[in-house]
Protein backbone atom coordinates (compact mmCIF):
# COMPACT_ATOMS: atom_id res chain seq x y z
CA UNK A 1 -14.76 -70.22 31.40
CA UNK A 2 -12.52 -72.11 33.90
CA UNK A 3 -11.58 -68.81 35.39
CA UNK A 4 -14.98 -68.31 37.10
CA UNK A 5 -15.07 -70.12 40.37
CA UNK A 6 -18.87 -71.17 40.15
CA UNK A 7 -21.26 -71.68 36.78
CA UNK A 8 -23.85 -70.23 39.47
CA UNK A 9 -22.01 -66.60 39.05
CA UNK A 10 -23.56 -66.36 35.91
CA UNK A 11 -27.54 -65.72 35.12
CA UNK A 12 -29.29 -67.80 33.28
CA UNK A 13 -29.82 -67.90 30.74
CA UNK A 14 -26.89 -66.05 29.37
CA UNK A 15 -24.46 -65.49 26.24
CA UNK A 16 -20.78 -65.81 27.64
CA UNK A 17 -18.46 -64.22 25.56
CA UNK A 18 -14.50 -65.19 26.53
CA UNK A 19 -12.47 -62.25 26.15
CA UNK A 20 -9.25 -64.29 25.53
CA UNK A 21 -10.87 -66.47 23.24
CA UNK A 22 -11.70 -63.39 21.29
CA UNK A 23 -8.58 -61.54 21.42
CA UNK A 24 -6.76 -65.19 20.30
CA UNK A 25 -8.85 -65.13 17.12
CA UNK A 26 -8.51 -61.52 16.26
CA UNK A 27 -4.75 -61.92 16.72
CA UNK A 28 -4.38 -64.94 14.51
CA UNK A 29 -7.03 -62.76 11.55
CA UNK A 30 -4.84 -59.95 11.87
CA UNK A 31 -1.76 -62.22 11.38
CA UNK A 32 -3.25 -63.56 7.87
CA UNK A 33 -4.27 -60.41 6.51
CA UNK A 34 -0.66 -58.77 7.09
CA UNK A 35 0.88 -61.99 5.90
CA UNK A 36 -1.43 -62.21 2.61
CA UNK A 37 -1.49 -58.25 2.31
CA UNK A 38 -5.24 -58.49 1.93
CA UNK A 39 -7.61 -56.35 4.31
CA UNK A 40 -10.29 -59.17 5.98
CA UNK A 41 -13.07 -57.24 7.53
CA UNK A 42 -16.13 -58.36 9.96
CA UNK A 43 -19.27 -59.37 8.54
CA UNK A 44 -22.22 -57.79 11.08
CA UNK A 45 -24.43 -60.85 9.99
CA UNK A 46 -22.47 -63.08 11.64
CA UNK A 47 -21.90 -60.52 15.01
CA UNK A 48 -22.95 -57.28 16.16
CA UNK A 49 -22.38 -57.15 19.77
CA UNK A 50 -21.52 -53.58 19.31
CA UNK A 51 -20.21 -53.70 23.52
CA UNK A 52 -17.63 -55.94 22.08
CA UNK A 53 -16.20 -53.64 19.44
CA UNK A 54 -13.64 -51.17 21.16
CA UNK A 55 -11.75 -54.70 21.11
CA UNK A 56 -11.89 -55.06 17.06
CA UNK A 57 -10.94 -51.71 16.88
CA UNK A 58 -7.82 -52.20 19.09
CA UNK A 59 -6.62 -54.51 15.92
CA UNK A 60 -7.61 -52.48 13.39
CA UNK A 61 -10.63 -53.94 11.69
CA UNK A 62 -13.44 -52.63 9.80
CA UNK A 63 -16.76 -54.18 8.72
CA UNK A 64 -19.43 -55.32 6.36
CA UNK A 65 -23.18 -54.05 6.04
CA UNK A 66 -26.07 -55.66 4.24
CA UNK A 67 -28.62 -53.38 6.03
CA UNK A 68 -28.87 -49.53 6.66
CA UNK A 69 -28.95 -50.14 10.46
CA UNK A 70 -25.50 -52.48 10.17
CA UNK A 71 -23.94 -49.80 8.12
CA UNK A 72 -25.24 -47.04 10.85
CA UNK A 73 -23.45 -48.91 13.33
CA UNK A 74 -20.54 -49.50 11.22
CA UNK A 75 -19.62 -45.95 11.70
CA UNK A 76 -21.25 -45.03 14.98
CA UNK A 77 -19.75 -47.94 16.92
CA UNK A 78 -16.73 -49.65 14.81
CA UNK A 79 -15.45 -46.11 14.00
CA UNK A 80 -15.23 -46.63 10.22
CA UNK A 81 -17.55 -46.58 7.09
CA UNK A 82 -19.00 -49.90 5.46
CA UNK A 83 -18.25 -52.01 2.82
CA UNK A 84 -22.09 -52.57 1.97
CA UNK A 85 -23.65 -54.92 -0.01
CA UNK A 86 -28.04 -55.70 -0.18
CA UNK A 87 -29.69 -57.70 -2.21
CA UNK A 88 -31.73 -55.04 -3.32
CA UNK A 89 -31.94 -50.93 -2.44
CA UNK A 90 -34.85 -49.04 -2.53
CA UNK A 91 -35.52 -45.51 -3.10
CA UNK A 92 -36.00 -44.97 0.90
CA UNK A 93 -32.83 -46.78 2.00
CA UNK A 94 -30.00 -46.15 -0.43
CA UNK A 95 -29.27 -42.43 0.62
CA UNK A 96 -28.92 -44.02 3.97
CA UNK A 97 -26.27 -46.53 2.65
CA UNK A 98 -24.60 -43.86 0.98
CA UNK A 99 -24.15 -41.96 3.92
CA UNK A 100 -22.44 -44.49 5.89
CA UNK A 101 -20.74 -46.59 3.03
CA UNK A 102 -17.13 -46.69 1.65
CA UNK A 103 -17.96 -48.97 -0.78
CA UNK A 104 -21.56 -50.35 -2.15
CA UNK A 105 -21.97 -53.74 -4.65
CA UNK A 106 -24.83 -54.66 -6.21
CA UNK A 107 -26.44 -57.49 -6.84
CA UNK A 108 -27.79 -57.04 -10.26
CA UNK A 109 -27.05 -54.44 -13.51
CA UNK A 110 -30.44 -53.15 -13.11
CA UNK A 111 -29.40 -52.03 -9.51
CA UNK A 112 -26.51 -50.49 -10.55
CA UNK A 113 -28.03 -48.26 -13.44
CA UNK A 114 -30.97 -47.51 -11.32
CA UNK A 115 -28.64 -46.46 -8.46
CA UNK A 116 -24.86 -45.56 -9.41
CA UNK A 117 -25.98 -42.21 -11.04
CA UNK A 118 -27.03 -40.75 -7.58
CA UNK A 119 -23.56 -41.81 -5.98
CA UNK A 120 -21.95 -39.42 -8.37
CA UNK A 121 -24.21 -36.38 -7.00
CA UNK A 122 -22.84 -37.42 -3.73
CA UNK A 123 -20.71 -35.41 -1.34
CA UNK A 124 -17.44 -37.78 -1.65
CA UNK A 125 -16.59 -40.73 -3.81
CA UNK A 126 -18.19 -44.22 -2.70
CA UNK A 127 -16.30 -47.04 -4.52
CA UNK A 128 -18.94 -49.13 -6.46
CA UNK A 129 -18.84 -52.99 -7.53
CA UNK A 130 -20.99 -55.78 -8.62
CA UNK A 131 -21.55 -58.91 -6.54
CA UNK A 132 -20.93 -61.82 -9.49
CA UNK A 133 -22.13 -65.52 -9.29
CA UNK A 134 -19.28 -67.72 -10.29
CA UNK A 135 -21.94 -71.04 -10.22
CA UNK A 136 -19.57 -72.98 -8.55
CA UNK A 137 -21.23 -74.92 -5.69
CA UNK A 138 -19.44 -75.99 -2.16
CA UNK A 139 -21.83 -76.15 0.03
CA UNK A 140 -23.91 -79.04 0.57
CA UNK A 141 -26.82 -77.22 2.60
CA UNK A 142 -29.01 -75.11 0.19
CA UNK A 143 -29.86 -73.16 2.81
CA UNK A 144 -26.75 -71.64 3.15
CA UNK A 145 -25.57 -72.31 -0.73
CA UNK A 146 -25.16 -68.93 -2.28
CA UNK A 147 -24.41 -70.61 -5.75
CA UNK A 148 -27.25 -72.92 -5.30
CA UNK A 149 -29.02 -73.53 -9.04
CA UNK A 150 -31.31 -70.65 -9.64
CA UNK A 151 -29.40 -68.50 -6.69
CA UNK A 152 -30.89 -64.83 -6.51
CA UNK A 153 -27.50 -63.69 -5.14
CA UNK A 154 -25.15 -62.34 -7.98
CA UNK A 155 -24.92 -61.91 -11.83
CA UNK A 156 -23.65 -64.89 -13.74
CA UNK A 157 -20.59 -64.67 -16.25
CA UNK A 158 -22.91 -64.72 -19.60
CA UNK A 159 -24.84 -61.47 -18.32
CA UNK A 160 -21.99 -59.18 -17.93
CA UNK A 161 -21.20 -57.32 -20.90
CA UNK A 162 -17.48 -57.70 -22.60
CA UNK A 163 -16.27 -54.09 -21.30
CA UNK A 164 -18.03 -53.47 -17.36
CA UNK A 165 -20.16 -50.40 -17.09
CA UNK A 166 -18.35 -47.14 -16.70
CA UNK A 167 -18.12 -46.76 -12.73
CA UNK A 168 -18.04 -50.00 -11.60
CA UNK A 169 -14.72 -50.24 -9.62
CA UNK A 170 -14.92 -53.98 -8.07
CA UNK A 171 -16.47 -57.26 -8.09
CA UNK A 172 -17.62 -59.28 -5.49
CA UNK A 173 -17.74 -63.06 -4.98
CA UNK A 174 -19.46 -64.75 -1.75
CA UNK A 175 -20.23 -68.74 -2.04
CA UNK A 176 -18.48 -70.10 1.04
CA UNK A 177 -19.71 -71.10 4.18
CA UNK A 178 -17.69 -72.06 7.05
CA UNK A 179 -15.21 -73.91 4.23
CA UNK A 180 -11.51 -74.31 3.88
CA UNK A 181 -8.87 -72.77 2.35
CA UNK A 182 -9.03 -75.54 -0.55
CA UNK A 183 -12.77 -74.93 -1.03
CA UNK A 184 -11.60 -70.98 -1.76
CA UNK A 185 -9.27 -72.44 -4.26
CA UNK A 186 -11.73 -74.17 -6.45
CA UNK A 187 -13.81 -71.25 -6.54
CA UNK A 188 -10.81 -68.88 -7.46
CA UNK A 189 -10.44 -71.25 -10.02
CA UNK A 190 -13.80 -71.02 -11.55
CA UNK A 191 -13.94 -67.03 -10.85
CA UNK A 192 -10.80 -66.73 -12.74
CA UNK A 193 -11.69 -68.61 -16.17
CA UNK A 194 -15.36 -67.05 -15.96
CA UNK A 195 -14.60 -63.48 -14.89
CA UNK A 196 -10.81 -62.89 -15.25
CA UNK A 197 -11.17 -61.01 -18.01
CA UNK A 198 -12.61 -58.15 -15.95
CA UNK A 199 -10.08 -57.86 -13.82
CA UNK A 200 -7.87 -55.47 -15.71
CA UNK A 201 -10.86 -53.35 -15.72
CA UNK A 202 -11.33 -52.78 -11.57
CA UNK A 203 -9.69 -52.01 -8.56
CA UNK A 204 -10.63 -54.71 -5.92
CA UNK A 205 -11.63 -58.07 -5.61
CA UNK A 206 -14.01 -58.89 -2.67
CA UNK A 207 -13.69 -62.57 -2.06
CA UNK A 208 -16.56 -62.64 0.35
CA UNK A 209 -17.25 -64.87 3.71
CA UNK A 210 -17.28 -68.13 4.32
CA UNK A 211 -13.35 -68.87 5.41
CA UNK A 212 -13.23 -70.20 8.46
CA UNK A 213 -9.76 -69.66 9.25
CA UNK A 214 -9.66 -69.88 12.99
CA UNK A 215 -10.96 -73.45 12.84
CA UNK A 216 -8.31 -75.76 14.66
CA UNK A 217 -8.03 -78.17 11.33
CA UNK A 218 -8.37 -75.12 8.74
CA UNK A 219 -4.60 -74.84 6.93
CA UNK A 220 -3.56 -71.48 7.56
CA UNK A 221 -0.33 -71.74 5.34
CA UNK A 222 -2.28 -72.54 2.32
CA UNK A 223 -5.16 -69.65 2.65
CA UNK A 224 -1.95 -67.52 2.95
CA UNK A 225 -0.05 -69.18 0.10
CA UNK A 226 -3.36 -68.53 -2.31
CA UNK A 227 -3.75 -65.43 -1.49
CA UNK A 228 -0.10 -64.43 -1.89
CA UNK A 229 0.29 -66.20 -5.26
CA UNK A 230 -3.21 -64.72 -6.83
CA UNK A 231 -1.57 -60.78 -5.24
CA UNK A 232 1.40 -61.31 -7.13
CA UNK A 233 -0.63 -62.26 -10.29
CA UNK A 234 -3.19 -59.27 -10.09
CA UNK A 235 -1.22 -56.95 -8.46
CA UNK A 236 -2.70 -53.83 -8.89
CA UNK A 237 -6.05 -55.75 -6.94
CA UNK A 238 -6.59 -54.90 -3.66
CA UNK A 239 -7.93 -58.10 -2.48
CA UNK A 240 -10.78 -58.00 0.60
CA UNK A 241 -12.20 -60.87 2.74
CA UNK A 242 -14.99 -60.51 4.75
CA UNK A 243 -15.59 -63.80 6.89
CA UNK A 244 -18.32 -63.65 9.76
CA UNK A 245 -17.96 -66.73 11.74
CA UNK A 246 -14.30 -67.01 11.84
CA UNK A 247 -13.73 -63.75 14.14
CA UNK A 248 -16.33 -65.52 16.83
CA UNK A 249 -15.44 -69.12 16.44
CA UNK A 250 -15.65 -70.91 19.75
CA UNK A 251 -15.34 -67.52 21.79
CA UNK A 252 -18.27 -68.34 23.85
CA UNK A 253 -21.24 -70.26 25.26
CA UNK A 254 -24.97 -70.03 26.04
CA UNK A 255 -25.54 -71.05 29.52
CA UNK A 256 -29.04 -72.26 30.44
CA UNK A 257 -30.83 -74.00 33.15
CA UNK A 258 -33.15 -77.38 33.43
CA UNK A 259 -36.55 -76.23 34.63
CA UNK A 260 -38.87 -79.27 34.25
CA UNK A 261 -38.31 -83.03 32.98
CA UNK A 262 -41.17 -84.34 31.52
CA UNK A 263 -41.57 -87.93 29.99
CA UNK A 264 -43.66 -89.00 27.16
CA UNK A 265 -43.51 -92.44 25.80
CA UNK A 266 -39.78 -93.16 26.98
CA UNK A 267 -38.50 -89.75 25.86
CA UNK A 268 -36.84 -87.80 28.49
CA UNK A 269 -36.92 -84.09 27.57
CA UNK A 270 -34.84 -81.96 29.62
CA UNK A 271 -37.39 -78.30 29.66
CA UNK A 272 -34.65 -75.38 29.26
CA UNK A 273 -35.31 -71.95 30.46
CA UNK A 274 -34.19 -71.06 26.23
CA UNK A 275 -35.81 -71.63 23.18
CA UNK A 276 -34.27 -73.07 20.29
CA UNK A 277 -37.00 -71.23 17.93
CA UNK A 278 -36.19 -67.67 19.10
CA UNK A 279 -32.34 -68.27 20.50
CA UNK A 280 -30.95 -71.04 18.67
CA UNK A 281 -32.98 -70.79 14.99
CA UNK A 282 -29.61 -72.48 13.32
CA UNK A 283 -30.49 -75.80 15.23
CA UNK A 284 -33.81 -75.93 13.45
CA UNK A 285 -32.72 -74.36 10.14
CA UNK A 286 -29.96 -76.42 9.53
CA UNK A 287 -30.13 -78.69 11.16
CA UNK A 288 -27.56 -79.64 13.92
CA UNK A 289 -27.05 -80.68 17.15
CA UNK A 290 -24.84 -78.27 19.05
CA UNK A 291 -22.46 -79.71 21.65
CA UNK A 292 -23.02 -79.86 24.99
CA UNK A 293 -20.56 -79.52 27.62
CA UNK A 294 -20.16 -83.11 29.53
CA UNK A 295 -22.78 -84.67 26.87
CA UNK A 296 -22.57 -86.81 23.91
CA UNK A 297 -24.58 -86.18 21.09
CA UNK A 298 -27.04 -89.49 21.17
CA UNK A 299 -28.83 -91.38 18.09
CA UNK A 300 -32.60 -90.30 18.22
CA UNK A 301 -35.09 -91.94 19.72
CA UNK A 302 -37.60 -94.36 16.98
CA UNK A 303 -40.27 -91.62 17.27
CA UNK A 304 -37.98 -88.44 16.76
CA UNK A 305 -37.22 -88.51 13.02
CA UNK A 306 -33.62 -88.34 12.76
CA UNK A 307 -31.68 -84.78 11.79
CA UNK A 308 -29.61 -84.48 8.06
CA UNK A 309 -26.47 -84.07 9.91
CA UNK A 310 -23.84 -81.58 8.61
CA UNK A 311 -21.17 -82.30 6.36
CA UNK A 312 -18.94 -79.99 8.33
CA UNK A 313 -21.22 -78.55 10.80
CA UNK A 314 -20.09 -75.62 13.59
CA UNK A 315 -20.50 -77.67 16.40
CA UNK A 316 -18.71 -80.97 16.52
CA UNK A 317 -17.93 -83.10 19.58
CA UNK A 318 -15.02 -82.22 21.64
CA UNK A 319 -12.20 -84.88 22.37
CA UNK A 320 -13.60 -84.81 25.89
CA UNK A 321 -17.02 -85.07 25.18
CA UNK A 322 -15.75 -88.13 23.21
CA UNK A 323 -14.37 -90.44 25.72
CA UNK A 324 -17.44 -90.10 27.63
CA UNK A 325 -19.16 -93.49 28.45
CA UNK A 326 -22.53 -94.41 26.07
CA UNK A 327 -22.97 -97.29 28.60
CA UNK A 328 -25.50 -94.99 30.65
CA UNK A 329 -28.36 -95.00 27.76
CA UNK A 330 -30.77 -94.41 30.45
CA UNK A 331 -29.10 -90.82 31.12
CA UNK A 332 -30.55 -89.79 27.63
CA UNK A 333 -32.54 -86.79 27.40
CA UNK A 334 -34.01 -84.24 24.36
CA UNK A 335 -33.74 -80.97 25.22
CA UNK A 336 -37.30 -79.02 24.77
CA UNK A 337 -37.04 -75.10 24.58
CA UNK A 338 -39.63 -72.44 26.58
CA UNK A 339 -41.92 -71.38 23.61
CA UNK A 340 -45.16 -73.16 22.85
CA UNK A 341 -43.98 -74.21 19.23
CA UNK A 342 -44.39 -77.84 19.18
CA UNK A 343 -40.90 -78.40 17.06
CA UNK A 344 -39.09 -76.40 19.59
CA UNK A 345 -36.80 -79.08 20.83
CA UNK A 346 -33.76 -80.63 19.64
CA UNK A 347 -31.96 -84.25 20.97
CA UNK A 348 -30.79 -86.38 21.99
CA UNK A 349 -27.76 -86.40 24.15
CA UNK A 350 -26.29 -88.78 26.48
CA UNK A 351 -25.08 -87.89 30.31
CA UNK A 352 -22.47 -89.15 32.95
CA UNK A 353 -25.58 -88.70 35.42
CA UNK A 354 -29.36 -88.14 35.82
CA UNK A 355 -30.12 -84.31 35.01
CA UNK A 356 -31.95 -82.62 37.69
CA UNK A 357 -34.09 -79.40 37.68
CA UNK A 358 -31.32 -76.74 38.30
CA UNK A 359 -28.91 -77.83 36.69
CA UNK A 360 -26.95 -75.76 34.07
CA UNK A 361 -26.62 -76.84 30.45
CA UNK A 362 -23.59 -75.29 28.43
CA UNK A 363 -24.29 -75.21 25.15
CA UNK A 364 -20.92 -74.53 22.84
CA UNK A 365 -19.61 -72.36 20.23
CA UNK A 366 -23.12 -69.84 20.60
CA UNK A 367 -21.98 -67.02 19.85
CA UNK A 368 -21.34 -65.99 15.72
CA UNK A 369 -25.26 -66.04 14.37
CA UNK A 370 -26.65 -67.07 16.87
CA UNK A 371 -26.98 -63.85 19.01
CA UNK A 372 -27.52 -62.18 15.72
CA UNK A 373 -30.62 -64.62 14.96
CA UNK A 374 -32.49 -64.43 18.30
CA UNK A 375 -36.24 -63.36 18.30
CA UNK A 376 -38.85 -62.58 20.89
CA UNK A 377 -41.32 -64.99 19.41
CA UNK A 378 -43.88 -65.83 21.67
CA UNK A 379 -42.66 -63.13 24.15
CA UNK A 380 -39.83 -65.26 25.14
CA UNK A 381 -37.09 -62.65 26.10
CA UNK A 382 -33.65 -62.91 24.96
CA UNK A 383 -30.80 -64.32 27.16
CA UNK A 384 -28.75 -61.77 29.23
CA UNK A 385 -25.11 -61.11 27.26
CA UNK A 386 -22.03 -61.25 29.43
CA UNK A 387 -18.06 -60.96 29.30
CA UNK A 388 -15.94 -63.05 30.73
CA UNK A 389 -12.87 -60.76 31.13
CA UNK A 390 -9.34 -61.85 30.86
CA UNK A 391 -9.03 -61.25 34.52
CA UNK A 392 -11.72 -63.45 35.33
CA UNK A 393 -14.10 -60.55 36.54
CA UNK A 394 -17.90 -61.07 34.47
CA UNK A 395 -19.39 -58.10 33.12
CA UNK A 396 -23.21 -58.31 32.09
CA UNK A 397 -23.33 -56.31 29.11
CA UNK A 398 -26.86 -56.65 28.70
CA UNK A 399 -30.00 -57.44 30.17
CA UNK A 400 -33.91 -57.56 28.41
CA UNK A 401 -37.19 -57.62 30.15
CA UNK A 402 -40.43 -56.43 28.72
CA UNK A 403 -39.66 -52.94 27.28
CA UNK A 404 -37.64 -54.82 24.64
CA UNK A 405 -40.50 -56.86 23.89
CA UNK A 406 -43.32 -54.07 23.54
CA UNK A 407 -40.62 -51.90 21.58
CA UNK A 408 -40.67 -54.71 18.83
CA UNK A 409 -44.51 -54.08 18.50
CA UNK A 410 -44.63 -50.06 18.40
């Protein structure tokens, strides 16, 4: 965001995507795809801002879909049929999935038996697969763990017959969440052990998402080596990865403003023009504290229950933030959202100087998942969305108003 001469040039609140950072991520992912000989596609569940899709198309990326809306978006705005998976298809939505999908993965054998025959009557071939559950857990937060005990996602090995049902062309597993290539290696070992006997019966293997290859400490060379070795072992298999976060990792911010400062029993809360409940729900779900530019996270005050710290959270303090002095503890603030939900706050942060009404608060890395999870709970509108282009110009992609809120109630 250094290209902007003045932070006031950005409307508040606003998600700001930086084109240069996005292109850097896309180039890295394309390089991995080409070097490893695998297909890597964008998971819409992490990012679906279609006005940026022309940039994705420049790099030749396709997409995944988990709903009919995502599948239609894939064809209309990404320009290609989707690789679709839904935990449960219905009589009403399955025909729409077929219309917009090149691949359809089923979550259970019963769903496959019920809907696969429909694909045989369709005007073009649709490659069908099953989602498998290797029952190996590397995700420590159960809310985001597809392989947690009792998971409803995927079929365990002991439930699949020795010979796959006719028409199954692929298998799909997804048990990672912003994990490393070494975590993938552990999962692949389990997948080979439990499902390797099926590999000769299929044409493709989808390794799902959660491959955070654009994170600075991610071992790209290990990932390429792992995938290349796997391809040599099973040369007939087409390998597919579908990360979400990796595409948009650290490509933009959420800019907000301080509209008031309140104090209660020694706790100062900076009241913002954004809501954690509406605009940053991961902060309450996970929970975690996002990074704020120019501040460092602080231990919670005695009145605030300590949040459960993420083991490998997506928002880690930058080196610059870590250099801030912690001596000015009187400049400690909780961040408060602007909905009426009592728990619509996250804290605490320490700033170098006192906050003032009108100050801008910049939440780092708030594009992936955050933008697709926004709601208009309490009638609180979405932040605007803007693109900071390579030449330094700021383009407002979307503003939200009353009609957007009202249309949700139609």
